[in-house]
Structures are given as structure tokens and as C-alpha cells.
């Protein structure tokens, strides 16, 4: 998607220090993101939609919320994405409850199962 100029961001509840630790082996992947918003950059945490609306608002041309596709592993994140008016794909973390995730627009076993063309995006 990066190759096609599709803007991408990360909006994580993790604080920057924890995010940096968790992603230290994946710097190349996260370097493709236009920006990264961490939990210490917002005042309200998920399920409040603030982190998603803030991340979308940072793009040079902020998209309409219904044009944003959110990938979430946590129930509170699914709720936050839906509350923001965004499209939400639930990618369940097997260690978390699946309650309140049933309203996501899709559920993927893995991000490898994502087919961008089903969302009007260029195929991989």
C-alpha cells in the first residue's frame, strides 16, 4: 500500500517508550507509516475515539472518517474505531476477550488474510 501512496498511520494505546520497545525489531515496517500516535499523546484512551480522530487529522489531506480503515486487536479499539465513524477490521488477539467486537466490519484471522482490493485499495 505504501508503494501506491496510500497514507498509513499507527494509533496505539501504548505509550511511546513501550511502543518503541515492542516494535524495535520491525523498524523498517513502522518506518512506512506517515505518522505514529501513541497513548501519551492524547488525553482520552480507547474506547474513546480521540486517538483515531487525532491520527487521521495529522494527514496533509485528512480523510473523511468513513474512508479510514482501522485494524484492531482489542475490543476497546474496535469500539473506538466504530465510535469515530471509521471502517474497522478486527484481528483478534487470542489473549484478549472477543466481547464487543462483533460489530466490526470484518474479522481477520491474521493481517496476512487482508485483501485490500475488497476495500477499494490496490492489491498487494
Foldseek 3Di string as FASTA:
>chain_A
DLVVVDAAEAQEQADPVVVCVVCVVPCVVRVSHPYYHYNVNDDDDFVALVSVVVVQVPDPDRDDQQLDEAEEAALRVLNNSVVSVYQYEHQHDVVYDCPNNVVHPYYDVDPVPDACVVSVDDGD
